[in-house]
Amino acid sequence: MAMKKTDLEKNKALKLNNAMKQSTAERFGKAAAAPAPDRREQRKLDQAQGLVPFACKLNSDLVAELKERAAEHPEGMTGLLSEVIKRGLAG
């Protein structure tokens, strides 16, 4: 069954509208920035590095201090905690 001319025009308008939205998003840097990996991809990357999630409860003052030091650490919180725990276990 053939589509009516008005339906064809509506479809064209929708396609054009979507194309304009896409180009605007790209123009303002959404496409330029590297997208962060989703959870599944991040899990695979962590597993490839041998990282395993480890949760524990810590005092809020200790967490605040760790966050301050992790901000300056080149590997972030994971690298800082790895160093601190290794030093603690060694001594």
N, C-alpha and C. Protein backbone atom coordinates (compact mmCIF):
# COMPACT_ATOMS: atom_id res chain seq x y z
N MET A 1 0.84 -1.17 0.00
CA MET A 1 0.00 0.00 0.00
C MET A 1 0.89 1.24 0.00
N ALA A 2 0.61 2.17 -0.84
CA ALA A 2 1.41 3.38 -0.99
C ALA A 2 1.14 4.34 0.16
N MET A 3 2.19 5.05 0.55
CA MET A 3 2.04 6.03 1.62
C MET A 3 1.49 7.32 1.05
N LYS A 4 0.76 8.04 1.86
CA LYS A 4 0.23 9.33 1.43
C LYS A 4 1.37 10.33 1.37
N LYS A 5 1.18 11.33 0.57
CA LYS A 5 2.21 12.36 0.43
C LYS A 5 2.49 13.04 1.77
N THR A 6 1.46 13.26 2.58
CA THR A 6 1.66 13.91 3.88
C THR A 6 2.50 13.02 4.81
N ASP A 7 2.28 11.70 4.76
CA ASP A 7 3.07 10.79 5.58
C ASP A 7 4.54 10.81 5.16
N LEU A 8 4.78 10.85 3.85
CA LEU A 8 6.15 10.93 3.35
C LEU A 8 6.83 12.21 3.83
N GLU A 9 6.11 13.30 3.80
CA GLU A 9 6.67 14.58 4.23
C GLU A 9 6.94 14.57 5.74
N LYS A 10 6.06 13.95 6.51
CA LYS A 10 6.28 13.86 7.95
C LYS A 10 7.54 13.05 8.24
N ASN A 11 7.73 11.94 7.51
CA ASN A 11 8.93 11.12 7.69
C ASN A 11 10.19 11.90 7.34
N LYS A 12 10.13 12.66 6.25
CA LYS A 12 11.29 13.48 5.86
C LYS A 12 11.60 14.49 6.96
N ALA A 13 10.56 15.11 7.52
CA ALA A 13 10.76 16.11 8.56
C ALA A 13 11.37 15.47 9.81
N LEU A 14 10.91 14.29 10.17
CA LEU A 14 11.47 13.60 11.34
C LEU A 14 12.95 13.26 11.13
N LYS A 15 13.28 12.76 9.95
CA LYS A 15 14.67 12.44 9.64
C LYS A 15 15.55 13.68 9.71
N LEU A 16 15.06 14.77 9.13
CA LEU A 16 15.81 16.02 9.14
C LEU A 16 16.00 16.52 10.56
N ASN A 17 14.94 16.45 11.35
CA ASN A 17 15.01 16.90 12.74
C ASN A 17 16.04 16.09 13.53
N ASN A 18 16.02 14.77 13.37
CA ASN A 18 16.99 13.92 14.06
C ASN A 18 18.42 14.20 13.60
N ALA A 19 18.59 14.43 12.30
CA ALA A 19 19.92 14.74 11.78
C ALA A 19 20.44 16.05 12.37
N MET A 20 19.56 17.02 12.52
CA MET A 20 19.97 18.31 13.09
C MET A 20 20.36 18.14 14.56
N LYS A 21 19.63 17.33 15.30
CA LYS A 21 19.97 17.09 16.70
C LYS A 21 21.34 16.42 16.81
N GLN A 22 21.61 15.46 15.93
CA GLN A 22 22.90 14.77 15.95
C GLN A 22 24.04 15.74 15.67
N SER A 23 23.88 16.58 14.66
CA SER A 23 24.96 17.49 14.29
C SER A 23 25.20 18.52 15.39
N THR A 24 24.15 18.96 16.07
CA THR A 24 24.31 19.91 17.17
C THR A 24 25.07 19.26 18.31
N ALA A 25 24.75 18.03 18.62
CA ALA A 25 25.44 17.33 19.70
C ALA A 25 26.92 17.20 19.38
N GLU A 26 27.25 16.87 18.16
CA GLU A 26 28.65 16.71 17.76
C GLU A 26 29.37 18.05 17.79
N ARG A 27 28.68 19.09 17.38
CA ARG A 27 29.30 20.40 17.30
C ARG A 27 29.68 20.91 18.69
N PHE A 28 28.92 20.56 19.70
CA PHE A 28 29.19 21.08 21.03
C PHE A 28 30.03 20.14 21.88
N GLY A 29 30.73 19.20 21.24
CA GLY A 29 31.75 18.43 21.93
C GLY A 29 31.34 17.09 22.48
N LYS A 30 30.11 16.69 22.34
CA LYS A 30 29.73 15.38 22.86
C LYS A 30 30.46 14.27 22.12
N ALA A 31 30.58 14.40 20.81
CA ALA A 31 31.26 13.37 20.03
C ALA A 31 32.78 13.53 20.11
N ALA A 32 33.25 14.74 20.38
CA ALA A 32 34.68 14.99 20.43
C ALA A 32 35.31 14.37 21.67
N ALA A 33 34.58 14.37 22.78
CA ALA A 33 35.11 13.79 24.01
C ALA A 33 35.05 12.27 23.92
N ALA A 34 36.10 11.65 24.41
CA ALA A 34 36.12 10.19 24.40
C ALA A 34 35.10 9.67 25.41
N PRO A 35 34.20 8.83 24.98
CA PRO A 35 33.19 8.35 25.92
C PRO A 35 33.80 7.42 26.96
N ALA A 36 33.31 7.55 28.17
CA ALA A 36 33.79 6.67 29.23
C ALA A 36 33.26 5.26 28.97
N PRO A 37 34.07 4.25 29.27
CA PRO A 37 33.58 2.89 29.03
C PRO A 37 32.40 2.58 29.94
N ASP A 38 31.45 1.80 29.42
CA ASP A 38 30.33 1.42 30.26
C ASP A 38 30.80 0.40 31.30
N ARG A 39 29.91 0.02 32.19
CA ARG A 39 30.31 -0.85 33.31
C ARG A 39 30.89 -2.17 32.85
N ARG A 40 30.29 -2.75 31.83
CA ARG A 40 30.78 -4.05 31.34
C ARG A 40 32.19 -3.92 30.77
N GLU A 41 32.41 -2.88 29.97
CA GLU A 41 33.74 -2.66 29.39
C GLU A 41 34.76 -2.37 30.49
N GLN A 42 34.35 -1.55 31.48
CA GLN A 42 35.26 -1.21 32.57
C GLN A 42 35.63 -2.46 33.36
N ARG A 43 34.67 -3.36 33.58
CA ARG A 43 34.93 -4.60 34.30
C ARG A 43 35.95 -5.44 33.55
N LYS A 44 35.81 -5.50 32.21
CA LYS A 44 36.76 -6.27 31.40
C LYS A 44 38.16 -5.66 31.48
N LEU A 45 38.23 -4.33 31.42
CA LEU A 45 39.53 -3.66 31.52
C LEU A 45 40.17 -3.93 32.88
N ASP A 46 39.37 -3.86 33.95
CA ASP A 46 39.89 -4.13 35.29
C ASP A 46 40.37 -5.57 35.42
N GLN A 47 39.60 -6.52 34.88
CA GLN A 47 40.00 -7.92 34.95
C GLN A 47 41.30 -8.16 34.19
N ALA A 48 41.47 -7.49 33.07
CA ALA A 48 42.70 -7.64 32.29
C ALA A 48 43.91 -7.16 33.08
N GLN A 49 43.70 -6.17 33.95
CA GLN A 49 44.79 -5.66 34.79
C GLN A 49 44.93 -6.45 36.09
N GLY A 50 44.07 -7.44 36.28
CA GLY A 50 44.14 -8.25 37.49
C GLY A 50 43.47 -7.59 38.69
N LEU A 51 42.63 -6.60 38.45
CA LEU A 51 41.96 -5.89 39.54
C LEU A 51 40.68 -6.61 39.94
N VAL A 52 40.43 -6.65 41.23
CA VAL A 52 39.25 -7.31 41.78
C VAL A 52 38.55 -6.30 42.70
N PRO A 53 37.24 -6.14 42.60
CA PRO A 53 36.55 -5.22 43.51
C PRO A 53 36.68 -5.69 44.96
N PHE A 54 36.91 -4.74 45.86
CA PHE A 54 37.08 -5.08 47.27
C PHE A 54 36.43 -3.97 48.09
N ALA A 55 35.37 -4.28 48.79
CA ALA A 55 34.65 -3.27 49.56
C ALA A 55 34.88 -3.48 51.05
N CYS A 56 34.98 -2.38 51.77
CA CYS A 56 35.08 -2.44 53.23
C CYS A 56 34.54 -1.13 53.79
N LYS A 57 34.33 -1.10 55.09
CA LYS A 57 33.82 0.11 55.75
C LYS A 57 34.97 0.76 56.51
N LEU A 58 35.13 2.08 56.27
CA LEU A 58 36.20 2.83 56.91
C LEU A 58 35.62 4.04 57.62
N ASN A 59 36.37 4.55 58.57
CA ASN A 59 36.01 5.76 59.29
C ASN A 59 35.97 6.93 58.32
N SER A 60 35.00 7.82 58.47
CA SER A 60 34.83 8.94 57.52
C SER A 60 36.04 9.87 57.50
N ASP A 61 36.72 10.06 58.65
CA ASP A 61 37.92 10.90 58.67
C ASP A 61 39.03 10.28 57.83
N LEU A 62 39.18 8.97 57.94
CA LEU A 62 40.18 8.25 57.15
C LEU A 62 39.86 8.34 55.66
N VAL A 63 38.59 8.21 55.31
CA VAL A 63 38.17 8.30 53.91
C VAL A 63 38.46 9.69 53.36
N ALA A 64 38.21 10.72 54.15
CA ALA A 64 38.48 12.09 53.71
C ALA A 64 39.97 12.28 53.43
N GLU A 65 40.81 11.75 54.34
CA GLU A 65 42.26 11.86 54.14
C GLU A 65 42.71 11.09 52.90
N LEU A 66 42.14 9.90 52.71
CA LEU A 66 42.49 9.10 51.53
C LEU A 66 42.10 9.84 50.25
N LYS A 67 40.93 10.46 50.24
CA LYS A 67 40.48 11.20 49.04
C LYS A 67 41.43 12.35 48.73
N GLU A 68 41.88 13.07 49.78
CA GLU A 68 42.82 14.17 49.57
C GLU A 68 44.12 13.67 48.94
N ARG A 69 44.65 12.60 49.49
CA ARG A 69 45.92 12.06 48.97
C ARG A 69 45.74 11.43 47.59
N ALA A 70 44.60 10.80 47.36
CA ALA A 70 44.35 10.17 46.06
C ALA A 70 44.26 11.21 44.94
N ALA A 71 43.80 12.42 45.27
CA ALA A 71 43.70 13.48 44.27
C ALA A 71 45.08 13.84 43.72
N GLU A 72 46.12 13.69 44.55
CA GLU A 72 47.48 14.02 44.15
C GLU A 72 48.23 12.81 43.59
N HIS A 73 47.71 11.62 43.84
CA HIS A 73 48.40 10.40 43.42
C HIS A 73 48.20 10.17 41.91
N PRO A 74 49.26 9.81 41.18
CA PRO A 74 49.12 9.63 39.72
C PRO A 74 48.16 8.51 39.31
N GLU A 75 47.99 7.50 40.15
CA GLU A 75 47.10 6.39 39.81
C GLU A 75 45.77 6.46 40.55
N GLY A 76 45.51 7.58 41.21
CA GLY A 76 44.24 7.76 41.89
C GLY A 76 44.10 6.90 43.14
N MET A 77 42.85 6.69 43.51
CA MET A 77 42.56 5.96 44.75
C MET A 77 43.08 4.53 44.72
N THR A 78 42.93 3.85 43.58
CA THR A 78 43.37 2.45 43.49
C THR A 78 44.88 2.35 43.71
N GLY A 79 45.64 3.20 43.06
CA GLY A 79 47.09 3.18 43.21
C GLY A 79 47.52 3.52 44.62
N LEU A 80 46.88 4.53 45.21
CA LEU A 80 47.21 4.92 46.58
C LEU A 80 46.95 3.79 47.55
N LEU A 81 45.77 3.19 47.47
CA LEU A 81 45.44 2.11 48.40
C LEU A 81 46.36 0.90 48.21
N SER A 82 46.72 0.62 46.97
CA SER A 82 47.65 -0.49 46.73
C SER A 82 48.98 -0.25 47.43
N GLU A 83 49.50 0.97 47.30
CA GLU A 83 50.78 1.31 47.95
C GLU A 83 50.67 1.22 49.47
N VAL A 84 49.62 1.81 50.02
CA VAL A 84 49.46 1.84 51.47
C VAL A 84 49.32 0.43 52.03
N ILE A 85 48.52 -0.39 51.39
CA ILE A 85 48.31 -1.76 51.89
C ILE A 85 49.58 -2.58 51.76
N LYS A 86 50.31 -2.44 50.64
CA LYS A 86 51.57 -3.18 50.47
C LYS A 86 52.57 -2.79 51.56
N ARG A 87 52.69 -1.47 51.82
CA ARG A 87 53.59 -1.02 52.88
C ARG A 87 53.18 -1.56 54.24
N GLY A 88 51.88 -1.56 54.50
CA GLY A 88 51.39 -2.05 55.78
C GLY A 88 51.63 -3.54 55.95
N LEU A 89 51.45 -4.30 54.89
CA LEU A 89 51.66 -5.75 54.97
C LEU A 89 53.14 -6.10 55.07
N ALA A 90 54.01 -5.28 54.45
CA ALA A 90 55.43 -5.54 54.48
C ALA A 90 56.03 -5.26 55.86
N GLY A 91 55.46 -4.27 56.55
CA GLY A 91 56.07 -3.88 57.83
C GLY A 91 55.34 -4.45 58.92
